Protein backbone atom coordinates (compact mmCIF):
# COMPACT_ATOMS: atom_id res chain seq x y z
CA UNK A 1 108.83 22.57 -33.85
CA UNK A 2 107.47 22.91 -37.25
CA UNK A 3 105.50 26.06 -38.14
CA UNK A 4 101.97 25.73 -38.80
CA UNK A 5 99.98 27.72 -41.69
CA UNK A 6 98.00 30.14 -40.12
CA UNK A 7 94.94 28.86 -42.09
CA UNK A 8 95.05 25.32 -40.47
CA UNK A 9 94.89 26.13 -36.88
CA UNK A 10 91.77 24.25 -35.84
CA UNK A 11 89.49 24.44 -32.93
CA UNK A 12 88.81 20.87 -31.79
CA UNK A 13 87.09 21.36 -28.31
CA UNK A 14 84.78 23.66 -26.56
CA UNK A 15 83.05 23.92 -23.13
CA UNK A 16 80.64 26.32 -21.59
CA UNK A 17 78.91 27.03 -17.97
CA UNK A 18 76.51 29.90 -18.05
CA UNK A 19 73.32 30.57 -16.58
CA UNK A 20 71.54 28.93 -19.47
CA UNK A 21 73.45 25.62 -19.67
CA UNK A 22 76.49 23.75 -18.35
CA UNK A 23 76.81 21.51 -21.45
CA UNK A 24 77.22 21.74 -25.23
CA UNK A 25 73.88 19.98 -26.13
CA UNK A 26 71.92 22.08 -23.92
CA UNK A 27 73.36 25.34 -24.75
CA UNK A 28 72.89 24.58 -28.53
CA UNK A 29 68.99 24.02 -27.56
CA UNK A 30 68.89 27.24 -25.61
CA UNK A 31 70.43 29.35 -28.49
CA UNK A 32 67.90 27.66 -31.04
CA UNK A 33 64.80 28.67 -28.53
CA UNK A 34 66.38 32.00 -27.77
CA UNK A 35 66.19 31.36 -24.38
CA UNK A 36 67.48 33.76 -21.72
CA UNK A 37 68.07 33.64 -17.92
CA UNK A 38 68.33 37.49 -16.97
CA UNK A 39 66.63 38.42 -14.10
CA UNK A 40 66.59 41.32 -11.54
CA UNK A 41 68.75 41.10 -8.22
CA UNK A 42 67.16 42.94 -5.24
CA UNK A 43 69.08 45.64 -3.88
CA UNK A 44 69.60 49.30 -3.74
CA UNK A 45 69.27 49.76 -6.73
CA UNK A 46 67.98 46.50 -8.00
CA UNK A 47 70.44 45.34 -10.99
CA UNK A 48 69.58 43.04 -13.84
CA UNK A 49 71.88 40.37 -14.59
CA UNK A 50 72.26 36.62 -15.78
CA UNK A 51 73.61 35.55 -12.32
CA UNK A 52 74.99 32.07 -11.92
CA UNK A 53 74.20 31.54 -8.39
CA UNK A 54 73.50 27.84 -8.09
CA UNK A 55 76.76 26.81 -9.63
CA UNK A 56 78.74 24.02 -7.75
CA UNK A 57 81.99 22.31 -8.57
CA UNK A 58 80.90 19.07 -6.90
CA UNK A 59 77.60 18.74 -8.60
CA UNK A 60 79.09 19.99 -12.06
CA UNK A 61 81.67 17.19 -11.49
CA UNK A 62 78.88 14.39 -10.64
CA UNK A 63 77.52 15.26 -14.21
CA UNK A 64 80.20 15.96 -16.16
CA UNK A 65 83.32 14.59 -14.75
CA UNK A 66 82.91 11.89 -11.84
CA UNK A 67 86.13 10.39 -12.19
CA UNK A 68 87.78 14.13 -11.73
CA UNK A 69 85.40 15.12 -8.87
CA UNK A 70 88.00 14.67 -6.31
CA UNK A 71 90.71 16.59 -8.03
CA UNK A 72 88.41 19.15 -9.00
CA UNK A 73 87.55 19.60 -5.40
CA UNK A 74 90.68 19.81 -4.10
CA UNK A 75 92.26 22.13 -6.38
CA UNK A 76 89.49 24.66 -6.28
CA UNK A 77 89.18 24.55 -2.53
CA UNK A 78 88.27 28.11 -1.16
CA UNK A 79 89.03 29.61 -4.72
CA UNK A 80 86.83 32.29 -5.89
CA UNK A 81 84.30 31.79 -8.86
CA UNK A 82 86.60 32.85 -11.49
CA UNK A 83 89.09 29.73 -10.91
CA UNK A 84 86.57 27.39 -10.03
CA UNK A 85 84.43 27.74 -13.28
CA UNK A 86 87.85 27.89 -15.59
CA UNK A 87 88.73 24.70 -14.16
CA UNK A 88 85.40 23.12 -14.85
CA UNK A 89 85.46 24.19 -18.46
CA UNK A 90 88.93 23.76 -19.13
CA UNK A 91 88.41 20.13 -18.25
CA UNK A 92 85.50 19.67 -20.23
CA UNK A 93 87.00 21.22 -23.66
CA UNK A 94 90.04 18.86 -23.44
CA UNK A 95 87.71 15.93 -22.84
CA UNK A 96 85.51 17.45 -26.14
CA UNK A 97 88.58 17.62 -28.18
CA UNK A 98 89.87 14.01 -27.05
CA UNK A 99 92.98 15.10 -25.89
CA UNK A 100 95.49 12.36 -24.42
CA UNK A 101 97.17 13.10 -20.93
CA UNK A 102 100.55 13.24 -22.88
CA UNK A 103 99.07 16.12 -25.23
CA UNK A 104 97.51 18.07 -22.41
CA UNK A 105 100.71 17.97 -20.38
CA UNK A 106 102.63 19.53 -23.30
CA UNK A 107 99.94 21.98 -23.86
CA UNK A 108 100.09 25.70 -23.45
CA UNK A 109 97.19 27.67 -21.36
CA UNK A 110 96.04 30.96 -22.24
CA UNK A 111 93.57 32.61 -19.58
CA UNK A 112 91.28 35.48 -20.95
CA UNK A 113 90.90 38.55 -18.57
CA UNK A 114 92.37 40.78 -15.76
CA UNK A 115 91.01 41.75 -12.45
CA UNK A 116 89.02 38.75 -12.55
CA UNK A 117 87.79 38.15 -8.58
CA UNK A 118 86.77 41.66 -8.01
CA UNK A 119 83.92 40.50 -5.60
CA UNK A 120 86.24 38.34 -3.88
CA UNK A 121 88.67 41.23 -3.49
CA UNK A 122 85.87 43.45 -2.23
CA UNK A 123 84.63 40.71 0.42
CA UNK A 124 88.23 40.31 1.34
CA UNK A 125 88.84 43.93 1.84
CA UNK A 126 85.66 44.36 3.99
CA UNK A 127 86.74 41.33 6.10
CA UNK A 128 90.20 43.15 6.76
CA UNK A 129 88.50 46.43 7.48
CA UNK A 130 86.15 44.77 10.20
CA UNK A 131 88.60 42.35 11.60
CA UNK A 132 92.32 42.44 10.32
CA UNK A 133 93.03 39.40 12.50
CA UNK A 134 90.85 37.06 10.42
CA UNK A 135 92.82 37.83 7.00
CA UNK A 136 93.78 34.35 5.61
CA UNK A 137 97.12 33.67 4.53
CA UNK A 138 95.80 31.97 1.48
CA UNK A 139 94.80 35.30 0.37
CA UNK A 140 98.47 36.00 -1.28
CA UNK A 141 97.61 32.73 -3.40
CA UNK A 142 93.82 33.98 -4.31
CA UNK A 143 94.11 37.49 -5.42
CA UNK A 144 96.30 37.38 -8.20
CA UNK A 145 94.66 36.29 -11.70
CA UNK A 146 97.61 33.85 -11.76
CA UNK A 147 95.69 31.81 -9.15
CA UNK A 148 93.47 30.56 -12.19
CA UNK A 149 96.57 29.43 -14.22
CA UNK A 150 97.63 27.30 -11.28
CA UNK A 151 94.04 25.66 -10.36
CA UNK A 152 93.56 24.91 -13.87
CA UNK A 153 97.10 23.43 -14.63
CA UNK A 154 96.65 21.35 -11.53
CA UNK A 155 93.42 20.10 -12.89
CA UNK A 156 94.40 19.29 -16.23
CA UNK A 157 97.87 18.04 -15.46
CA UNK A 158 99.42 20.83 -17.97
CA UNK A 159 102.83 21.54 -17.70
CA UNK A 160 103.52 23.62 -21.00
CA UNK A 161 103.57 27.68 -21.00
CA UNK A 162 100.95 29.63 -19.40
CA UNK A 163 99.92 33.50 -19.39
CA UNK A 164 96.78 35.61 -18.89
CA UNK A 165 95.64 38.13 -21.45
CA UNK A 166 93.97 41.15 -20.65
CA UNK A 167 91.84 43.41 -23.12
CA UNK A 168 88.77 44.10 -21.16
CA UNK A 169 85.66 43.01 -23.15
CA UNK A 170 88.06 41.92 -26.04
CA UNK A 171 90.21 39.34 -23.66
CA UNK A 172 88.94 36.45 -24.81
CA UNK A 173 89.28 37.19 -28.64
CA UNK A 174 92.75 38.46 -27.82
CA UNK A 175 93.65 35.38 -25.78
CA UNK A 176 92.59 33.15 -29.00
CA UNK A 177 94.71 35.16 -31.15
CA UNK A 178 97.82 34.78 -28.73
CA UNK A 179 96.80 31.10 -28.81
CA UNK A 180 96.84 30.87 -32.58
CA UNK A 181 99.98 32.70 -32.71
CA UNK A 182 101.74 30.09 -30.51
CA UNK A 183 100.64 27.41 -32.48
CA UNK A 184 101.37 28.88 -36.11
CA UNK A 185 104.99 29.91 -34.58
CA UNK A 186 105.41 26.04 -33.60
CA UNK A 187 105.95 26.90 -30.10
CA UNK A 188 103.18 24.46 -29.26
CA UNK A 189 100.96 22.20 -30.98
CA UNK A 190 97.94 22.75 -28.59
CA UNK A 191 96.64 25.53 -26.63
CA UNK A 192 93.69 25.27 -24.03
CA UNK A 193 92.09 28.89 -24.13
CA UNK A 194 89.76 29.69 -21.06
CA UNK A 195 87.51 32.55 -20.22
CA UNK A 196 86.61 32.49 -16.58
CA UNK A 197 83.79 34.14 -14.89
CA UNK A 198 84.45 37.57 -14.42
CA UNK A 199 83.26 39.12 -11.09
CA UNK A 200 82.18 42.48 -10.28
CA UNK A 201 81.69 43.93 -6.93
CA UNK A 202 79.02 46.45 -5.82
CA UNK A 203 81.62 49.15 -6.56
CA UNK A 204 81.65 48.38 -10.19
CA UNK A 205 78.08 47.76 -10.44
CA UNK A 206 77.46 51.49 -9.05
CA UNK A 207 79.98 52.92 -11.55
CA UNK A 208 78.46 51.15 -14.31
CA UNK A 209 74.95 52.30 -13.38
CA UNK A 210 76.44 55.83 -12.71
CA UNK A 211 77.94 55.83 -16.31
CA UNK A 212 74.49 54.95 -17.75
CA UNK A 213 76.27 52.09 -19.17
CA UNK A 214 73.73 49.41 -17.78
CA UNK A 215 70.24 48.93 -18.33
CA UNK A 216 68.12 49.58 -15.48
CA UNK A 217 65.06 47.54 -14.18
CA UNK A 218 61.94 49.23 -15.20
CA UNK A 219 58.30 48.79 -14.15
CA UNK A 220 56.33 47.09 -16.51
CA UNK A 221 59.21 45.58 -18.49
CA UNK A 222 60.31 42.05 -18.01
CA UNK A 223 63.47 41.45 -17.10
CA UNK A 224 64.05 39.26 -20.32
CA UNK A 225 63.55 42.24 -22.28
CA UNK A 226 65.94 44.77 -20.99
CA UNK A 227 69.17 43.65 -22.83
CA UNK A 228 68.13 45.10 -26.54
CA UNK A 229 71.22 45.42 -28.54
CA UNK A 230 70.67 47.15 -32.18
CA UNK A 231 67.21 48.14 -31.15
CA UNK A 232 65.82 51.45 -30.98
CA UNK A 233 64.96 51.10 -27.51
CA UNK A 234 68.18 49.97 -26.01
CA UNK A 235 69.25 51.20 -22.78
CA UNK A 236 72.51 49.69 -21.62
CA UNK A 237 74.10 46.33 -21.30
CA UNK A 238 72.83 43.45 -18.94
CA UNK A 239 75.70 41.73 -16.95
CA UNK A 240 76.06 38.22 -17.31
CA UNK A 241 78.18 35.22 -15.50
CA UNK A 242 79.59 32.61 -17.31
CA UNK A 243 82.91 30.86 -18.23
CA UNK A 244 84.00 29.02 -21.60
CA UNK A 245 86.88 27.52 -23.07
CA UNK A 246 88.39 26.12 -26.40
CA UNK A 247 90.99 23.81 -27.33
CA UNK A 248 92.90 25.20 -30.40
CA UNK A 249 95.60 23.06 -32.02
CA UNK A 250 97.82 22.38 -35.08
CA UNK A 251 96.01 19.56 -37.28
CA UNK A 252 96.57 15.97 -36.15
CA UNK A 253 95.29 12.57 -37.28
CA UNK A 254 91.64 11.81 -36.49
CA UNK A 255 90.75 15.05 -34.71
CA UNK A 256 86.90 16.22 -35.48
CA UNK A 257 87.40 20.14 -35.93
CA UNK A 258 84.50 22.34 -34.98
CA UNK A 259 86.29 25.24 -37.19
CA UNK A 260 89.36 26.18 -38.72
CA UNK A 261 90.53 29.96 -37.39
CA UNK A 262 91.59 31.03 -40.75
CA UNK A 263 92.09 34.93 -40.06
CA UNK A 264 91.97 37.50 -36.73
CA UNK A 265 92.46 40.83 -36.69
CA UNK A 266 93.28 43.34 -33.76
CA UNK A 267 93.46 46.96 -33.89
CA UNK A 268 93.52 49.95 -31.60
CA UNK A 269 91.65 53.27 -31.96
CA UNK A 270 94.62 55.33 -30.79
CA UNK A 271 92.38 56.63 -27.92
CA UNK A 272 91.92 55.95 -24.27
CA UNK A 273 88.26 55.82 -22.69
CA UNK A 274 85.04 54.24 -23.64
CA UNK A 275 84.20 55.88 -27.14
CA UNK A 276 84.21 53.48 -29.93
CA UNK A 277 85.31 53.77 -33.52
CA UNK A 278 83.76 52.53 -36.40
CA UNK A 279 87.13 53.21 -38.38
CA UNK A 280 89.04 50.97 -36.03
CA UNK A 281 86.56 48.31 -35.77
CA UNK A 282 86.27 47.95 -39.67
CA UNK A 283 89.97 47.95 -39.69
CA UNK A 284 90.31 44.62 -37.15
CA UNK A 285 87.55 43.09 -39.45
CA UNK A 286 89.40 43.89 -42.62
CA UNK A 287 92.63 42.48 -41.35
CA UNK A 288 91.16 39.34 -40.14
CA UNK A 289 89.36 39.04 -43.77
CA UNK A 290 92.83 39.87 -45.37
CA UNK A 291 94.67 37.12 -43.22
CA UNK A 292 91.97 34.52 -44.26
CA UNK A 293 92.14 35.40 -47.79
CA UNK A 294 88.50 35.90 -47.67
CA UNK A 295 86.02 38.01 -49.61
CA UNK A 296 83.51 40.23 -47.39
CA UNK A 297 81.19 38.52 -49.50
CA UNK A 298 81.99 35.10 -48.24
CA UNK A 299 80.86 35.56 -45.02
CA UNK A 300 77.81 33.99 -44.07
CA UNK A 301 77.33 35.02 -40.46
CA UNK A 302 78.50 37.62 -37.76
CA UNK A 303 78.26 37.29 -34.13
CA UNK A 304 78.35 40.77 -33.11
CA UNK A 305 79.83 42.47 -30.03
CA UNK A 306 76.42 44.64 -29.58
CA UNK A 307 75.94 44.92 -25.87
CA UNK A 308 72.90 47.24 -25.87
CA UNK A 309 74.85 50.25 -25.65
CA UNK A 310 73.42 53.51 -26.78
CA UNK A 311 76.61 54.61 -28.49
CA UNK A 312 78.51 51.41 -29.13
CA UNK A 313 75.51 49.48 -31.09
CA UNK A 314 75.21 52.44 -33.55
CA UNK A 315 78.90 52.50 -34.36
CA UNK A 316 79.37 48.89 -34.77
CA UNK A 317 76.26 48.67 -37.00
CA UNK A 318 78.01 51.51 -39.15
CA UNK A 319 81.42 49.47 -39.04
CA UNK A 320 79.50 46.54 -40.41
CA UNK A 321 77.60 48.21 -42.90
CA UNK A 322 81.06 49.56 -44.11
CA UNK A 323 82.83 46.43 -44.33
CA UNK A 324 80.06 43.98 -45.76
CA UNK A 325 77.44 46.57 -47.74
CA UNK A 326 74.43 44.91 -48.68
CA UNK A 327 72.58 42.94 -48.00
CA UNK A 328 75.47 41.17 -46.16
CA UNK A 329 75.90 38.26 -43.71
CA UNK A 330 73.23 37.49 -40.94
CA UNK A 331 74.03 39.50 -37.66
CA UNK A 332 72.81 38.43 -34.38
CA UNK A 333 74.39 39.09 -30.84
CA UNK A 334 74.23 36.40 -28.16
CA UNK A 335 74.12 38.88 -25.28
CA UNK A 336 70.63 39.08 -24.63
CA UNK A 337 70.64 35.33 -24.01
CA UNK A 338 73.80 34.94 -21.70
CA UNK A 339 74.33 38.82 -20.52
CA UNK A 340 77.38 40.73 -21.02
CA UNK A 341 80.24 38.41 -19.58
CA UNK A 342 82.69 41.04 -19.86
CA UNK A 343 86.16 39.61 -20.23
CA UNK A 344 84.50 36.13 -21.22
CA UNK A 345 81.98 37.46 -23.55
CA UNK A 346 84.10 36.84 -26.55
CA UNK A 347 84.44 33.23 -25.59
CA UNK A 348 80.89 32.59 -24.84
CA UNK A 349 79.93 34.05 -28.33
CA UNK A 350 82.86 31.89 -30.13
CA UNK A 351 81.25 28.69 -28.68
CA UNK A 352 77.89 29.99 -29.52
CA UNK A 353 79.21 30.59 -33.22
CA UNK A 354 80.81 27.32 -33.38
CA UNK A 355 77.90 25.39 -32.52
CA UNK A 356 75.63 27.67 -34.97
CA UNK A 357 78.32 26.39 -37.68
CA UNK A 358 78.05 22.88 -36.73
CA UNK A 359 74.35 22.40 -36.32
CA UNK A 360 73.44 25.05 -39.36
CA UNK A 361 71.41 27.53 -37.88
CA UNK A 362 71.15 30.93 -36.56
CA UNK A 363 69.84 31.84 -33.13
CA UNK A 364 67.42 34.98 -32.59
CA UNK A 365 67.97 38.10 -31.90
CA UNK A 366 65.80 38.21 -28.88
CA UNK A 367 64.73 41.86 -28.16
CA UNK A 368 65.09 43.26 -31.57
CA UNK A 369 62.03 44.83 -32.74
CA UNK A 370 62.68 47.96 -34.09
CA UNK A 371 66.30 48.02 -35.52
CA UNK A 372 68.62 50.79 -35.49
CA UNK A 373 69.92 50.39 -38.92
CA UNK A 374 68.35 49.17 -42.35
CA UNK A 375 72.13 48.67 -43.58
CA UNK A 376 72.69 45.56 -41.76
CA UNK A 377 70.95 42.17 -42.32
CA UNK A 378 69.95 41.32 -38.69
CA UNK A 379 68.89 38.14 -37.77
CA UNK A 380 65.16 37.60 -37.06
CA UNK A 381 63.42 37.12 -33.56
CA UNK A 382 63.03 33.37 -34.29
CA UNK A 383 65.74 31.07 -35.00
CA UNK A 384 66.26 30.28 -38.67
CA UNK A 385 68.15 27.09 -40.31
CA UNK A 386 71.29 28.89 -42.16
CA UNK A 387 74.54 27.36 -43.67
CA UNK A 388 77.41 28.78 -42.27
CA UNK A 389 80.55 28.20 -44.18
CA UNK A 390 82.43 31.39 -42.97
CA UNK A 391 81.69 33.20 -39.88
CA UNK A 392 83.42 35.95 -37.91
CA UNK A 393 82.90 37.01 -34.31
CA UNK A 394 83.79 40.72 -33.13
CA UNK A 395 84.68 42.09 -30.05
CA UNK A 396 85.18 45.72 -28.66
CA UNK A 397 86.65 47.05 -25.53
CA UNK A 398 87.08 50.11 -23.31
CA UNK A 399 90.48 51.59 -24.16
CA UNK A 400 89.99 51.56 -28.05
CA UNK A 401 90.66 47.97 -28.30
CA UNK A 402 88.87 46.03 -31.35
CA UNK A 403 89.19 42.20 -32.09
CA UNK A 404 88.15 39.97 -34.76
CA UNK A 405 88.02 36.14 -35.13
CA UNK A 406 87.45 34.54 -38.63
CA UNK A 407 86.23 30.72 -38.87
CA UNK A 408 85.94 28.59 -41.76
CA UNK A 409 84.28 25.28 -41.85
CA UNK A 410 86.80 22.26 -41.54
CA UNK A 411 85.60 20.40 -44.38
CA UNK A 412 85.54 16.93 -42.36
CA UNK A 413 88.55 15.44 -40.77
CA UNK A 414 91.52 17.25 -40.17
CA UNK A 415 94.99 15.55 -40.95
């Protein structure tokens, strides 16, 4: 196949399911309003989160894809939430892109994240411990992450390449980079990139709490105000549940792209553990700018990784100031609205960025009342109109992984 200039790879479809919305129009409105669905779940200890407790494949299909309801129900029967949510958003993104069955069949599928169904694993182990005789043979199909590949490909009728990409909280961004490289190399013309809901079990919640990484519910503090990235009063991240997908393609006649993916960068810190590095994050941003042949001064907007981490937010602010100087682009973070969706967070934020680019606004920095830095141009606490020609999204992960995507307005129809 013919190779494609990396600057010409386009994003033509998108879809999202989270606690705020299950379609793009509703998500756009939630972003503009700065709404959040963060609540506190009872337990010992109680846990704050944006919980997708009421999601139903049947109900989603009845609203979004009634003609595919039977196929969705059949493919996702007895599947864990990562596979079921992935199937829905993948189908919606392909329809948003206007892909023909033939183009879908030849497409590649990239699934973001590893160890996606941790709550399912915990429940299966508990059942086995209590009564080994009740173990289901279907467990051999459901426990690997490849279950999501199989379920999504069945629903879509996709028969091209398929793989999972794991990079912890940077998984979605790294999956998009992998897809862009497949297209630029001419291996495929179309990729469906899916970031499923990432489950946690009680073990992971307890470990995050013990590590001091998660924000704890506090008396007198509304749940909606617990996630406060870049704020001096931040106390950790708030978990979120959601799935999102994009379609990324070589240009084709008549397609209406959200944006061109003109650059990307991924850099390692050369160190394990959870400690972030401003040097590594700055290197990833500069790599994306260099690939996109874009000066830092041209960037209009950055969707930051910022989670509310005591150390991580400070390091990211330092990295942004180093790359952009002042006054720099407007910076916000979507996590106070959706929660931190872990391996899928970068896809939630990429879709949020595409919608802000298309509709010309920047969503509020909810919870930001006392910014930790004056060297970064943070968006305010209400939405503001803002023309975004060039945008950047950042993702950072345990293991010293830094990833950056650089987007530019497509400039009309792509041929």
